[in-house]
Amino acid sequence: MKNKRILVIGATGNIGREVVKYLFNYKNNHEVFAAVRNIDKASYEFEDYQQLKYVKFDFEDISTFDGALDNIDSVFLLRPPHISDVEKYFRPLISKIKEKKINQIVFLSVQGVESSKIIPHNKIEKMIVDSGIDYIFLRPSYFMQNLITTLHKDILEKQKIILPSGNAKFNWIDIENIAELAAILLDDFDNFKNQGIDITGYENLDFFEITNLINKTIGTNIIFESVNPLKFYRIKRKDGLNKGLILVMIFLHFLPRFQSEPKISKFYENTCGKLPTNLKEFLLRESDKFKK
């Protein structure tokens, strides 16, 4: 198999960092490039990966696109949570990828994107398809790590999870499983190209059930407070979140109240030969993060 030059966009984020790790652990001979805003900081974070190369890249600085994409064969692409104007930032990026004759994109999308035109990932997928670039859309379900990132502050400071999700069921997936699969798809792109691939865990639980599971597993006393979207918006603006991120959170947590329970995919198990992480395993692994 031909060695490739793979660019990981968002390499220092939760998903990107794991993709870099799995690309090296996957025992391939590809050249891996981390696309980052601060190369000095990133090289410190990845000091154990001496073969990793770095290029300057900033979604909000179009002038960085050209150099970052020079002589690249494959791109791992994701949408940073704060980027809600996908037309402004993704249209020129995808155009530049095409201009550079890069013909492999693995885009981290979201499960159910094909039937939800309101979320940004739907527009990005369409841009990529319309560009004619070969793609793989990796569509994970709800990240377990949201409990220790996006929702973490409320859990620690308020002993609450506050969302507009009611009794909606979410399927829970570990980002380590997502990153492992992404590394495999980047390596073996041609066998999976031009597909949308769901990656899920095997548990569909609402946030009432999740808080009970956290309390039972770790011994905390967290409660779930379901609020309407307007109240959620006001709470999060008061907490200092930007408007774009709050709106994306509302889309991701409120719309599932009117949708069917998530479908479970066995793609990860069939491809990796093992079961995805279950929630109890994740909670035990990350238990220290749920306590002050």
C-alpha atoms as a PDB file:
ATOM      1  CA  MET A   1       0.000   0.000   0.000  1.00  0.00           C
ATOM      2  CA  LYS A   2       1.358   3.425  -0.986  1.00  0.00           C
ATOM      3  CA  ASN A   3       2.612   5.582   1.855  1.00  0.00           C
ATOM      4  CA  LYS A   4       0.618   8.798   2.154  1.00  0.00           C
ATOM      5  CA  ARG A   5       1.076  12.262   3.586  1.00  0.00           C
ATOM      6  CA  ILE A   6      -1.873  12.655   5.957  1.00  0.00           C
ATOM      7  CA  LEU A   7      -2.937  16.024   7.372  1.00  0.00           C
ATOM      8  CA  VAL A   8      -4.890  15.950  10.643  1.00  0.00           C
ATOM      9  CA  ILE A   9      -6.846  19.185  11.061  1.00  0.00           C
ATOM     10  CA  GLY A  10      -7.617  20.039  14.674  1.00  0.00           C
ATOM     11  CA  ALA A  11      -4.788  17.795  15.861  1.00  0.00           C
ATOM     12  CA  THR A  12      -4.667  19.211  19.394  1.00  0.00           C
ATOM     13  CA  GLY A  13      -8.402  18.834  19.998  1.00  0.00           C
ATOM     14  CA  ASN A  14     -10.030  15.870  21.737  1.00  0.00           C
ATOM     15  CA  ILE A  15     -10.623  13.883  18.554  1.00  0.00           C
ATOM     16  CA  GLY A  16      -7.647  15.049  16.510  1.00  0.00           C
ATOM     17  CA  ARG A  17      -5.180  14.180  19.263  1.00  0.00           C
ATOM     18  CA  GLU A  18      -6.490  10.627  19.389  1.00  0.00           C
ATOM     19  CA  VAL A  19      -6.430  10.313  15.578  1.00  0.00           C
ATOM     20  CA  VAL A  20      -2.729  11.249  15.591  1.00  0.00           C
ATOM     21  CA  LYS A  21      -2.022   8.666  18.295  1.00  0.00           C
ATOM     22  CA  TYR A  22      -3.848   5.886  16.467  1.00  0.00           C
ATOM     23  CA  LEU A  23      -2.219   6.718  13.142  1.00  0.00           C
ATOM     24  CA  PHE A  24       1.164   6.078  14.743  1.00  0.00           C
ATOM     25  CA  ASN A  25      -0.023   3.083  16.755  1.00  0.00           C
ATOM     26  CA  TYR A  26      -1.582   1.550  13.663  1.00  0.00           C
ATOM     27  CA  LYS A  27       1.946   0.626  12.493  1.00  0.00           C
ATOM     28  CA  ASN A  28       1.783   2.268   9.092  1.00  0.00           C
ATOM     29  CA  ASN A  29       4.539   4.215   7.364  1.00  0.00           C
ATOM     30  CA  HIS A  30       2.509   7.266   6.428  1.00  0.00           C
ATOM     31  CA  GLU A  31       3.815  10.767   7.086  1.00  0.00           C
ATOM     32  CA  VAL A  32       1.482  12.448   9.549  1.00  0.00           C
ATOM     33  CA  PHE A  33       1.139  16.238   9.709  1.00  0.00           C
ATOM     34  CA  ALA A  34      -0.587  18.063  12.561  1.00  0.00           C
ATOM     35  CA  ALA A  35      -2.428  21.185  11.368  1.00  0.00           C
ATOM     36  CA  VAL A  36      -2.306  23.526  14.365  1.00  0.00           C
ATOM     37  CA  ARG A  37      -2.438  27.205  15.248  1.00  0.00           C
ATOM     38  CA  ASN A  38       0.539  27.084  17.624  1.00  0.00           C
ATOM     39  CA  ILE A  39       3.342  24.776  16.503  1.00  0.00           C
ATOM     40  CA  ASP A  40       5.499  25.258  19.624  1.00  0.00           C
ATOM     41  CA  LYS A  41       2.625  24.342  21.924  1.00  0.00           C
ATOM     42  CA  ALA A  42       1.618  21.365  19.767  1.00  0.00           C
ATOM     43  CA  SER A  43       5.168  19.982  19.601  1.00  0.00           C
ATOM     44  CA  TYR A  44       5.245  20.013  23.412  1.00  0.00           C
ATOM     45  CA  GLU A  45       1.888  18.198  23.599  1.00  0.00           C
ATOM     46  CA  PHE A  46       3.106  15.553  21.118  1.00  0.00           C
ATOM     47  CA  GLU A  47       6.660  15.228  22.428  1.00  0.00           C
ATOM     48  CA  ASP A  48       6.310  11.416  22.442  1.00  0.00           C
ATOM     49  CA  TYR A  49       5.663  11.414  18.673  1.00  0.00           C
ATOM     50  CA  GLN A  50       9.015  12.468  17.266  1.00  0.00           C
ATOM     51  CA  GLN A  51       8.052  11.594  13.683  1.00  0.00           C
ATOM     52  CA  LEU A  52       5.015  13.884  13.716  1.00  0.00           C
ATOM     53  CA  LYS A  53       5.381  16.951  11.491  1.00  0.00           C
ATOM     54  CA  TYR A  54       3.650  20.294  11.981  1.00  0.00           C
ATOM     55  CA  VAL A  55       2.053  22.895   9.737  1.00  0.00           C
ATOM     56  CA  LYS A  56       0.434  26.167  10.733  1.00  0.00           C
ATOM     57  CA  PHE A  57      -3.316  26.140  10.159  1.00  0.00           C
ATOM     58  CA  ASP A  58      -6.132  28.324  11.437  1.00  0.00           C
ATOM     59  CA  PHE A  59      -9.746  27.987  10.262  1.00  0.00           C
ATOM     60  CA  GLU A  60     -10.188  31.727  10.791  1.00  0.00           C
ATOM     61  CA  ASP A  61      -7.101  32.675   8.766  1.00  0.00           C
ATOM     62  CA  ILE A  62      -7.578  31.630   5.140  1.00  0.00           C
ATOM     63  CA  SER A  63      -3.984  32.602   4.354  1.00  0.00           C
ATOM     64  CA  THR A  64      -2.802  29.501   6.276  1.00  0.00           C
ATOM     65  CA  PHE A  65      -4.710  27.060   4.042  1.00  0.00           C
ATOM     66  CA  ASP A  66      -2.301  27.048   1.095  1.00  0.00           C
ATOM     67  CA  GLY A  67       0.870  26.156   2.992  1.00  0.00           C
ATOM     68  CA  ALA A  68      -0.854  23.616   5.258  1.00  0.00           C
ATOM     69  CA  LEU A  69      -2.183  21.669   2.266  1.00  0.00           C
ATOM     70  CA  ASP A  70       1.029  21.586   0.222  1.00  0.00           C
ATOM     71  CA  ASN A  71       1.914  18.066  -0.983  1.00  0.00           C
ATOM     72  CA  ILE A  72      -0.794  16.402   1.140  1.00  0.00           C
ATOM     73  CA  ASP A  73      -2.563  13.224  -0.032  1.00  0.00           C
ATOM     74  CA  SER A  74      -5.301  12.783   2.606  1.00  0.00           C
ATOM     75  CA  VAL A  75      -7.065  15.115   5.021  1.00  0.00           C
ATOM     76  CA  PHE A  76      -8.796  14.317   8.283  1.00  0.00           C
ATOM     77  CA  LEU A  77     -11.320  17.126   8.644  1.00  0.00           C
ATOM     78  CA  LEU A  78     -13.601  18.155  11.484  1.00  0.00           C
ATOM     79  CA  ARG A  79     -15.674  21.163  12.454  1.00  0.00           C
ATOM     80  CA  PRO A  80     -14.467  23.039  15.546  1.00  0.00           C
ATOM     81  CA  PRO A  81     -17.443  23.632  17.875  1.00  0.00           C
ATOM     82  CA  HIS A  82     -17.142  27.416  17.691  1.00  0.00           C
ATOM     83  CA  ILE A  83     -17.283  27.491  13.870  1.00  0.00           C
ATOM     84  CA  SER A  84     -20.966  27.836  13.004  1.00  0.00           C
ATOM     85  CA  ASP A  85     -20.621  29.812   9.740  1.00  0.00           C
ATOM     86  CA  VAL A  86     -19.570  26.896   7.570  1.00  0.00           C
ATOM     87  CA  GLU A  87     -20.044  28.831   4.318  1.00  0.00           C
ATOM     88  CA  LYS A  88     -17.481  31.402   5.395  1.00  0.00           C
ATOM     89  CA  TYR A  89     -14.823  28.974   6.604  1.00  0.00           C
ATOM     90  CA  PHE A  90     -15.394  25.599   4.947  1.00  0.00           C
ATOM     91  CA  ARG A  91     -16.202  26.698   1.396  1.00  0.00           C
ATOM     92  CA  PRO A  92     -12.735  28.241   0.823  1.00  0.00           C
ATOM     93  CA  LEU A  93     -11.026  25.343   2.610  1.00  0.00           C
ATOM     94  CA  ILE A  94     -12.689  22.678   0.466  1.00  0.00           C
ATOM     95  CA  SER A  95     -11.978  24.756  -2.652  1.00  0.00           C
ATOM     96  CA  LYS A  96      -8.304  24.911  -1.664  1.00  0.00           C
ATOM     97  CA  ILE A  97      -8.211  21.128  -1.043  1.00  0.00           C
ATOM     98  CA  LYS A  98      -9.571  20.591  -4.554  1.00  0.00           C
ATOM     99  CA  GLU A  99      -7.157  23.138  -6.031  1.00  0.00           C
ATOM    100  CA  LYS A 100      -4.259  21.221  -4.437  1.00  0.00           C
ATOM    101  CA  LYS A 101      -5.535  18.036  -6.129  1.00  0.00           C
ATOM    102  CA  ILE A 102      -6.028  16.273  -2.795  1.00  0.00           C
ATOM    103  CA  ASN A 103      -8.624  13.579  -3.406  1.00  0.00           C
ATOM    104  CA  GLN A 104      -9.138  11.939   0.006  1.00  0.00           C
ATOM    105  CA  ILE A 105     -11.123  13.524   2.828  1.00  0.00           C
ATOM    106  CA  VAL A 106     -12.247  11.732   5.964  1.00  0.00           C
ATOM    107  CA  PHE A 107     -14.756  14.143   7.500  1.00  0.00           C
ATOM    108  CA  LEU A 108     -15.921  13.734  11.077  1.00  0.00           C
ATOM    109  CA  SER A 109     -19.661  14.288  10.741  1.00  0.00           C
ATOM    110  CA  VAL A 110     -22.494  13.201  13.043  1.00  0.00           C
ATOM    111  CA  GLN A 111     -25.021  10.374  13.106  1.00  0.00           C
ATOM    112  CA  GLY A 112     -28.326  11.280  11.465  1.00  0.00           C
ATOM    113  CA  VAL A 113     -26.823  14.187   9.529  1.00  0.00           C
ATOM    114  CA  GLU A 114     -28.381  13.079   6.261  1.00  0.00           C
ATOM    115  CA  SER A 115     -31.892  13.783   7.571  1.00  0.00           C
ATOM    116  CA  SER A 116     -31.136  16.998   9.465  1.00  0.00           C
ATOM    117  CA  LYS A 117     -30.403  19.939   7.160  1.00  0.00           C
ATOM    118  CA  ILE A 118     -30.290  22.382  10.050  1.00  0.00           C
ATOM    119  CA  ILE A 119     -26.997  21.189  11.562  1.00  0.00           C
ATOM    120  CA  PRO A 120     -23.711  22.507  10.092  1.00  0.00           C
ATOM    121  CA  HIS A 121     -22.325  19.052   9.243  1.00  0.00           C
ATOM    122  CA  ASN A 122     -25.075  18.544   6.656  1.00  0.00           C
ATOM    123  CA  LYS A 123     -23.924  21.602   4.719  1.00  0.00           C
ATOM    124  CA  ILE A 124     -20.271  20.550   4.954  1.00  0.00           C
ATOM    125  CA  GLU A 125     -21.036  17.062   3.643  1.00  0.00           C
ATOM    126  CA  LYS A 126     -22.895  18.602   0.698  1.00  0.00           C
ATOM    127  CA  MET A 127     -19.970  20.930  -0.049  1.00  0.00           C
ATOM    128  CA  ILE A 128     -17.592  17.973  -0.139  1.00  0.00           C
ATOM    129  CA  VAL A 129     -19.879  15.872  -2.382  1.00  0.00           C
ATOM    130  CA  ASP A 130     -20.415  18.814  -4.738  1.00  0.00           C
ATOM    131  CA  SER A 131     -16.646  19.371  -4.954  1.00  0.00           C
ATOM    132  CA  GLY A 132     -16.140  15.929  -6.515  1.00  0.00           C
ATOM    133  CA  ILE A 133     -13.441  15.025  -3.987  1.00  0.00           C
ATOM    134  CA  ASP A 134     -13.545  11.400  -2.787  1.00  0.00           C
ATOM    135  CA  TYR A 135     -14.682  11.244   0.812  1.00  0.00           C
ATOM    136  CA  ILE A 136     -15.577   9.129   3.797  1.00  0.00           C
ATOM    137  CA  PHE A 137     -18.123  10.648   6.162  1.00  0.00           C
ATOM    138  CA  LEU A 138     -17.531   9.181   9.602  1.00  0.00           C
ATOM    139  CA  ARG A 139     -20.787   9.702  11.494  1.00  0.00           C
ATOM    140  CA  PRO A 140     -20.426   9.037  15.210  1.00  0.00           C
ATOM    141  CA  SER A 141     -23.197   9.113  17.754  1.00  0.00           C
ATOM    142  CA  TYR A 142     -23.032  11.178  20.963  1.00  0.00           C
ATOM    143  CA  PHE A 143     -19.551  11.475  22.487  1.00  0.00           C
ATOM    144  CA  MET A 144     -19.048   9.993  25.951  1.00  0.00           C
ATOM    145  CA  GLN A 145     -16.354  12.653  26.368  1.00  0.00           C
ATOM    146  CA  ASN A 146     -19.016  15.394  26.336  1.00  0.00           C
ATOM    147  CA  LEU A 147     -19.468  14.448  29.981  1.00  0.00           C
ATOM    148  CA  ILE A 148     -15.900  15.568  30.733  1.00  0.00           C
ATOM    149  CA  THR A 149     -15.731  18.495  28.287  1.00  0.00           C
ATOM    150  CA  THR A 150     -18.849  20.391  27.198  1.00  0.00           C
ATOM    151  CA  LEU A 151     -20.955  19.346  30.197  1.00  0.00           C
ATOM    152  CA  HIS A 152     -18.106  19.121  32.698  1.00  0.00           C
ATOM    153  CA  LYS A 153     -18.326  22.591  34.255  1.00  0.00           C
ATOM    154  CA  ASP A 154     -21.974  22.154  35.261  1.00  0.00           C
ATOM    155  CA  ILE A 155     -21.295  18.671  36.614  1.00  0.00           C
ATOM    156  CA  LEU A 156     -18.470  19.895  38.844  1.00  0.00           C
ATOM    157  CA  GLU A 157     -19.819  23.292  39.883  1.00  0.00           C
ATOM    158  CA  LYS A 158     -23.578  22.700  39.963  1.00  0.00           C
ATOM    159  CA  GLN A 159     -23.765  18.911  40.346  1.00  0.00           C
ATOM    160  CA  LYS A 160     -26.103  19.043  37.363  1.00  0.00           C
ATOM    161  CA  ILE A 161     -26.376  18.274  33.697  1.00  0.00           C
ATOM    162  CA  ILE A 162     -28.514  21.036  32.168  1.00  0.00           C
ATOM    163  CA  LEU A 163     -29.814  20.454  28.635  1.00  0.00           C
ATOM    164  CA  PRO A 164     -33.002  20.874  26.551  1.00  0.00           C
ATOM    165  CA  SER A 165     -33.123  17.147  25.769  1.00  0.00           C
ATOM    166  CA  GLY A 166     -35.984  15.851  27.930  1.00  0.00           C
ATOM    167  CA  ASN A 167     -36.349  12.073  27.622  1.00  0.00           C
ATOM    168  CA  ALA A 168     -34.577  11.874  24.255  1.00  0.00           C
ATOM    169  CA  LYS A 169     -32.352   8.828  23.869  1.00  0.00           C
ATOM    170  CA  PHE A 170     -28.731   9.277  22.827  1.00  0.00           C
ATOM    171  CA  ASN A 171     -26.334   6.619  21.666  1.00  0.00           C
ATOM    172  CA  TRP A 172     -22.975   6.884  23.425  1.00  0.00           C
ATOM    173  CA  ILE A 173     -19.585   6.376  21.765  1.00  0.00           C
ATOM    174  CA  ASP A 174     -16.020   6.759  23.061  1.00  0.00           C
ATOM    175  CA  ILE A 175     -13.886   9.133  20.975  1.00  0.00           C
ATOM    176  CA  GLU A 176     -11.022   6.661  21.295  1.00  0.00           C
ATOM    177  CA  ASN A 177     -13.136   4.234  19.249  1.00  0.00           C
ATOM    178  CA  ILE A 178     -13.874   6.992  16.716  1.00  0.00           C
ATOM    179  CA  ALA A 179     -10.199   7.900  16.371  1.00  0.00           C
ATOM    180  CA  GLU A 180      -9.129   4.282  15.995  1.00  0.00           C
ATOM    181  CA  LEU A 181     -11.624   3.782  13.183  1.00  0.00           C
ATOM    182  CA  ALA A 182     -10.632   7.096  11.557  1.00  0.00           C
ATOM    183  CA  ALA A 183      -6.996   5.951  11.456  1.00  0.00           C
ATOM    184  CA  ILE A 184      -8.022   2.712   9.756  1.00  0.00           C
ATOM    185  CA  LEU A 185     -10.138   4.593   7.196  1.00  0.00           C
ATOM    186  CA  LEU A 186      -7.328   7.040   6.435  1.00  0.00           C
ATOM    187  CA  ASP A 187      -4.961   4.116   5.904  1.00  0.00           C
ATOM    188  CA  ASP A 188      -7.359   2.004   3.832  1.00  0.00           C
ATOM    189  CA  PHE A 189      -9.301   4.834   2.209  1.00  0.00           C
ATOM    190  CA  ASP A 190     -10.004   3.272  -1.187  1.00  0.00           C
ATOM    191  CA  ASN A 191     -11.931   0.332   0.282  1.00  0.00           C
ATOM    192  CA  PHE A 192     -14.402   2.650   2.023  1.00  0.00           C
ATOM    193  CA  LYS A 193     -14.490   5.778  -0.124  1.00  0.00           C
ATOM    194  CA  ASN A 194     -17.641   7.739  -0.957  1.00  0.00           C
ATOM    195  CA  GLN A 195     -19.614   6.271   1.933  1.00  0.00           C
ATOM    196  CA  GLY A 196     -21.278   7.613   5.049  1.00  0.00           C
ATOM    197  CA  ILE A 197     -20.339   5.329   7.934  1.00  0.00           C
ATOM    198  CA  ASP A 198     -22.098   5.328  11.306  1.00  0.00           C
ATOM    199  CA  ILE A 199     -20.053   4.519  14.396  1.00  0.00           C
ATOM    200  CA  THR A 200     -22.011   3.900  17.589  1.00  0.00           C
ATOM    201  CA  GLY A 201     -21.828   2.198  20.912  1.00  0.00           C
ATOM    202  CA  TYR A 202     -24.412  -0.345  21.963  1.00  0.00           C
ATOM    203  CA  GLU A 203     -26.226   1.745  24.614  1.00  0.00           C
ATOM    204  CA  ASN A 204     -29.121   4.154  23.983  1.00  0.00           C
ATOM    205  CA  LEU A 205     -29.721   6.135  27.175  1.00  0.00           C
ATOM    206  CA  ASP A 206     -31.372   9.451  28.047  1.00  0.00           C
ATOM    207  CA  PHE A 207     -29.783  11.937  30.449  1.00  0.00           C
ATOM    208  CA  PHE A 208     -31.910  10.827  33.396  1.00  0.00           C
ATOM    209  CA  GLU A 209     -30.468   7.340  32.920  1.00  0.00           C
ATOM    210  CA  ILE A 210     -26.961   8.740  32.411  1.00  0.00           C
ATOM    211  CA  THR A 211     -26.959  10.708  35.658  1.00  0.00           C
ATOM    212  CA  ASN A 212     -28.210   7.631  37.523  1.00  0.00           C
ATOM    213  CA  LEU A 213     -25.430   5.556  35.961  1.00  0.00           C
ATOM    214  CA  ILE A 214     -22.772   8.138  36.882  1.00  0.00           C
ATOM    215  CA  ASN A 215     -24.025   8.269  40.469  1.00  0.00           C
ATOM    216  CA  LYS A 216     -24.184   4.488  40.771  1.00  0.00           C
ATOM    217  CA  THR A 217     -20.762   3.908  39.183  1.00  0.00           C
ATOM    218  CA  ILE A 218     -18.769   6.704  40.803  1.00  0.00           C
ATOM    219  CA  GLY A 219     -20.747   7.633  43.913  1.00  0.00           C
ATOM    220  CA  THR A 220     -21.616  11.174  42.890  1.00  0.00           C
ATOM    221  CA  ASN A 221     -24.947  12.923  43.400  1.00  0.00           C
ATOM    222  CA  ILE A 222     -25.598  14.523  40.023  1.00  0.00           C
ATOM    223  CA  ILE A 223     -29.081  15.389  38.776  1.00  0.00           C
ATOM    224  CA  PHE A 224     -30.352  16.068  35.269  1.00  0.00           C
ATOM    225  CA  GLU A 225     -32.318  19.274  34.718  1.00  0.00           C
ATOM    226  CA  SER A 226     -34.214  19.431  31.437  1.00  0.00           C
ATOM    227  CA  VAL A 227     -34.990  22.996  30.368  1.00  0.00           C
ATOM    228  CA  ASN A 228     -36.611  24.560  27.326  1.00  0.00           C
ATOM    229  CA  PRO A 229     -34.308  25.889  24.585  1.00  0.00           C
ATOM    230  CA  LEU A 230     -34.836  29.556  25.491  1.00  0.00           C
ATOM    231  CA  LYS A 231     -33.951  28.996  29.138  1.00  0.00           C
ATOM    232  CA  PHE A 232     -30.939  26.922  28.073  1.00  0.00           C
ATOM    233  CA  TYR A 233     -29.788  29.754  25.808  1.00  0.00           C
ATOM    234  CA  ARG A 234     -30.051  32.284  28.645  1.00  0.00           C
ATOM    235  CA  ILE A 235     -28.185  30.021  31.094  1.00  0.00           C
ATOM    236  CA  LYS A 236     -25.334  29.414  28.675  1.00  0.00           C
ATOM    237  CA  ARG A 237     -25.038  33.071  27.652  1.00  0.00           C
ATOM    238  CA  LYS A 238     -24.756  33.908  31.342  1.00  0.00           C
ATOM    239  CA  ASP A 239     -22.052  31.240  31.601  1.00  0.00           C
ATOM    240  CA  GLY A 240     -20.129  33.036  28.843  1.00  0.00           C
ATOM    241  CA  LEU A 241     -20.590  30.638  25.894  1.00  0.00           C
ATOM    242  CA  ASN A 242     -20.675  32.170  22.427  1.00  0.00           C
ATOM    243  CA  LYS A 243     -23.980  32.251  20.564  1.00  0.00           C
ATOM    244  CA  GLY A 244     -22.899  29.893  17.774  1.00  0.00           C
ATOM    245  CA  LEU A 245     -21.852  27.153  20.169  1.00  0.00           C
ATOM    246  CA  ILE A 246     -25.076  27.475  22.180  1.00  0.00           C
ATOM    247  CA  LEU A 247     -27.194  27.144  19.035  1.00  0.00           C
ATOM    248  CA  VAL A 248     -25.301  24.028  17.955  1.00  0.00           C
ATOM    249  CA  MET A 249     -25.815  22.556  21.442  1.00  0.00           C
ATOM    250  CA  ILE A 250     -29.546  23.258  21.177  1.00  0.00           C
ATOM    251  CA  PHE A 251     -29.742  21.577  17.750  1.00  0.00           C
ATOM    252  CA  LEU A 252     -27.852  18.503  18.990  1.00  0.00           C
ATOM    253  CA  HIS A 253     -29.837  18.109  22.216  1.00  0.00           C
ATOM    254  CA  PHE A 254     -33.337  19.416  21.452  1.00  0.00           C
ATOM    255  CA  LEU A 255     -33.999  17.959  17.995  1.00  0.00           C
ATOM    256  CA  PRO A 256     -33.564  14.321  19.170  1.00  0.00           C
ATOM    257  CA  ARG A 257     -36.751  14.763  21.234  1.00  0.00           C
ATOM    258  CA  PHE A 258     -38.662  14.606  17.930  1.00  0.00           C
ATOM    259  CA  GLN A 259     -36.608  11.871  16.286  1.00  0.00           C
ATOM    260  CA  SER A 260     -36.524   8.107  16.490  1.00  0.00           C
ATOM    261  CA  GLU A 261     -34.177   6.370  18.899  1.00  0.00           C
ATOM    262  CA  PRO A 262     -30.652   6.216  17.389  1.00  0.00           C
ATOM    263  CA  LYS A 263     -29.842   3.205  15.230  1.00  0.00           C
ATOM    264  CA  ILE A 264     -27.029   1.001  16.456  1.00  0.00           C
ATOM    265  CA  SER A 265     -24.217   0.193  14.033  1.00  0.00           C
ATOM    266  CA  LYS A 266     -21.831  -2.752  14.286  1.00  0.00           C
ATOM    267  CA  PHE A 267     -19.315  -1.185  11.884  1.00  0.00           C
ATOM    268  CA  TYR A 268     -16.714  -0.607  14.595  1.00  0.00           C
ATOM    269  CA  GLU A 269     -16.928  -4.173  15.894  1.00  0.00           C
ATOM    270  CA  ASN A 270     -16.865  -5.641  12.380  1.00  0.00           C
ATOM    271  CA  THR A 271     -13.886  -3.514  11.346  1.00  0.00           C
ATOM    272  CA  CYS A 272     -11.803  -3.512  14.522  1.00  0.00           C
ATOM    273  CA  GLY A 273     -12.688  -6.997  15.743  1.00  0.00           C
ATOM    274  CA  LYS A 274     -13.734  -5.911  19.238  1.00  0.00           C
ATOM    275  CA  LEU A 275     -16.633  -4.307  21.065  1.00  0.00           C
ATOM    276  CA  PRO A 276     -16.827  -0.518  21.451  1.00  0.00           C
ATOM    277  CA  THR A 277     -16.277   0.930  24.924  1.00  0.00           C
ATOM    278  CA  ASN A 278     -19.342   0.777  27.138  1.00  0.00           C
ATOM    279  CA  LEU A 279     -20.367   3.605  29.449  1.00  0.00           C
ATOM    280  CA  LYS A 280     -19.406   1.883  32.685  1.00  0.00           C
ATOM    281  CA  GLU A 281     -15.900   1.253  31.333  1.00  0.00           C
ATOM    282  CA  PHE A 282     -15.631   4.892  30.295  1.00  0.00           C
ATOM    283  CA  LEU A 283     -16.893   6.216  33.638  1.00  0.00           C
ATOM    284  CA  LEU A 284     -14.475   4.051  35.600  1.00  0.00           C
ATOM    285  CA  ARG A 285     -11.594   5.070  33.334  1.00  0.00           C
ATOM    286  CA  GLU A 286     -12.403   8.778  33.762  1.00  0.00           C
ATOM    287  CA  SER A 287     -13.790   8.637  37.311  1.00  0.00           C
ATOM    288  CA  ASP A 288     -11.361  11.204  38.728  1.00  0.00           C
ATOM    289  CA  LYS A 289     -12.808  13.861  36.415  1.00  0.00           C
ATOM    290  CA  PHE A 290     -16.248  13.679  38.013  1.00  0.00           C
ATOM    291  CA  LYS A 291     -15.040  14.790  41.435  1.00  0.00           C
ATOM    292  CA  LYS A 292     -13.583  18.108  42.550  1.00  0.00           C
END
